[in-house]
Amino acid sequence: MAVNGPVFRRQDEEGNWHYAFTAEDRHCNGNDVIHGGMLFSFADHFLGFSVAMAARRMSTTISMNVNYVAPGKIGDFIEGEAKITRLTRTLAFAQAHVHVGPRALMTADGVFKLLGDGF
């Protein structure tokens, strides 16, 4: 994410994590919209972090299903929220919502393998 970012994160009063980045020219594809791969990478990054915080263990992505809803553009403040839907002994299931203000850009569902003994 050092190349794709910077990505900002904060935790709200309820303990939920919120993520964001400002879209730059380097995040665009040939159509002058934010590259789908950038949005995917952003979601994978913040879902993995959210899983680690919830499970208190590192994880790796097994699969992600993505739905692109609308394009983002240069200068957009792109935000993301994660929802952990299920934790088992070895797996985590999570959903991502990526948006600019009220306008959805992408949703994703991911499955993550939990690693190690915790931290």
Protein backbone atom coordinates (compact mmCIF):
# COMPACT_ATOMS: atom_id res chain seq x y z
CA MET A 1 0.00 0.00 0.00
CA ALA A 2 3.03 2.30 0.12
CA VAL A 3 2.71 2.72 -3.65
CA ASN A 4 -1.10 2.88 -3.67
CA GLY A 5 -1.55 5.03 -0.58
CA PRO A 6 -1.28 6.73 1.64
CA VAL A 7 -4.29 5.07 3.24
CA PHE A 8 -5.70 6.67 6.36
CA ARG A 9 -7.56 4.85 9.10
CA ARG A 10 -9.35 5.78 12.27
CA GLN A 11 -11.45 4.02 14.86
CA ASP A 12 -14.77 5.51 15.92
CA GLU A 13 -16.32 5.55 19.40
CA GLU A 14 -18.03 2.18 18.81
CA GLY A 15 -14.73 0.54 17.83
CA ASN A 16 -15.44 0.38 14.08
CA TRP A 17 -12.57 1.10 11.70
CA HIS A 18 -12.89 3.58 8.82
CA TYR A 19 -10.40 3.85 5.95
CA ALA A 20 -9.78 6.43 3.23
CA PHE A 21 -7.48 7.70 0.53
CA THR A 22 -7.53 10.67 -1.80
CA ALA A 23 -7.61 9.55 -5.44
CA GLU A 24 -4.66 10.81 -7.45
CA ASP A 25 -3.78 10.74 -11.12
CA ARG A 26 -1.56 7.68 -10.52
CA HIS A 27 -4.61 5.72 -9.32
CA CYS A 28 -6.39 6.14 -12.69
CA ASN A 29 -6.68 3.87 -15.69
CA GLY A 30 -6.72 4.89 -19.37
CA ASN A 31 -10.33 6.06 -19.03
CA ASP A 32 -9.37 8.69 -16.41
CA VAL A 33 -11.30 6.91 -13.66
CA ILE A 34 -9.92 5.18 -10.58
CA HIS A 35 -8.60 1.79 -11.66
CA GLY A 36 -10.66 -1.16 -10.45
CA GLY A 37 -7.44 -2.79 -9.30
CA MET A 38 -6.77 0.17 -7.01
CA LEU A 39 -10.22 -0.12 -5.43
CA PHE A 40 -9.74 -3.88 -5.09
CA SER A 41 -6.33 -3.43 -3.46
CA PHE A 42 -7.73 -0.79 -1.08
CA ALA A 43 -10.59 -3.11 -0.03
CA ASP A 44 -8.28 -6.11 0.37
CA HIS A 45 -5.96 -4.01 2.52
CA PHE A 46 -8.61 -2.69 4.88
CA LEU A 47 -10.53 -5.97 5.09
CA GLY A 48 -7.31 -7.76 6.07
CA PHE A 49 -6.54 -5.15 8.72
CA SER A 50 -10.10 -5.33 10.07
CA VAL A 51 -9.95 -9.13 10.24
CA ALA A 52 -6.62 -8.95 12.10
CA MET A 53 -8.06 -6.51 14.64
CA ALA A 54 -11.21 -8.61 15.16
CA ALA A 55 -9.46 -11.99 15.34
CA ARG A 56 -6.27 -10.70 17.03
CA ARG A 57 -4.39 -12.75 14.42
CA MET A 58 -2.82 -12.06 11.06
CA SER A 59 -4.61 -13.40 7.99
CA THR A 60 -4.26 -13.93 4.28
CA THR A 61 -6.92 -13.52 1.62
CA ILE A 62 -8.43 -16.74 0.28
CA SER A 63 -11.02 -15.15 -2.02
CA MET A 64 -12.78 -11.88 -2.75
CA ASN A 65 -15.88 -11.28 -4.81
CA VAL A 66 -16.15 -7.71 -6.04
CA ASN A 67 -18.99 -5.66 -7.49
CA TYR A 68 -18.03 -2.39 -9.16
CA VAL A 69 -20.96 0.02 -8.88
CA ALA A 70 -19.71 3.42 -10.07
CA PRO A 71 -16.43 5.05 -11.11
CA GLY A 72 -14.30 7.26 -8.91
CA LYS A 73 -12.34 10.23 -10.21
CA ILE A 74 -9.20 12.18 -9.40
CA GLY A 75 -9.61 14.23 -6.23
CA ASP A 76 -12.30 11.99 -4.73
CA PHE A 77 -11.94 11.22 -1.04
CA ILE A 78 -12.61 7.50 -1.22
CA GLU A 79 -13.74 5.84 2.00
CA GLY A 80 -14.12 2.22 3.02
CA GLU A 81 -15.82 0.36 5.82
CA ALA A 82 -15.47 -3.28 6.77
CA LYS A 83 -17.96 -5.55 8.45
CA ILE A 84 -16.76 -8.85 9.88
CA THR A 85 -19.68 -11.21 9.34
CA ARG A 86 -18.24 -14.40 10.85
CA LEU A 87 -15.14 -15.63 12.65
CA THR A 88 -14.32 -19.31 13.06
CA ARG A 89 -11.23 -20.96 14.49
CA THR A 90 -9.45 -20.82 11.11
CA LEU A 91 -11.45 -18.47 8.85
CA ALA A 92 -12.90 -14.98 8.78
CA PHE A 93 -15.65 -13.67 6.52
CA ALA A 94 -15.94 -9.95 5.83
CA GLN A 95 -17.76 -7.41 3.67
CA ALA A 96 -16.42 -4.14 2.28
CA HIS A 97 -18.24 -0.99 1.24
CA VAL A 98 -16.20 1.57 -0.76
CA HIS A 99 -17.77 4.95 -1.44
CA VAL A 100 -17.40 8.67 -2.04
CA GLY A 101 -19.81 10.34 0.34
CA PRO A 102 -23.16 8.60 -0.15
CA ARG A 103 -22.22 7.29 -3.63
CA ALA A 104 -21.17 3.61 -3.65
CA LEU A 105 -18.18 2.72 -5.84
CA MET A 106 -17.67 -0.93 -4.95
CA THR A 107 -18.77 -3.71 -2.62
CA ALA A 108 -16.84 -6.88 -1.84
CA ASP A 109 -17.15 -10.09 0.14
CA GLY A 110 -13.97 -11.78 1.31
CA VAL A 111 -12.83 -14.98 2.98
CA PHE A 112 -9.60 -14.90 4.97
CA LYS A 113 -7.41 -17.66 6.45
CA LEU A 114 -6.39 -16.89 10.02
CA LEU A 115 -2.68 -17.43 10.70
CA GLY A 116 -0.58 -18.08 13.78
CA ASP A 117 -1.55 -18.05 17.42
CA GLY A 118 -2.48 -14.39 17.77
CA PHE A 119 -0.88 -11.19 18.89
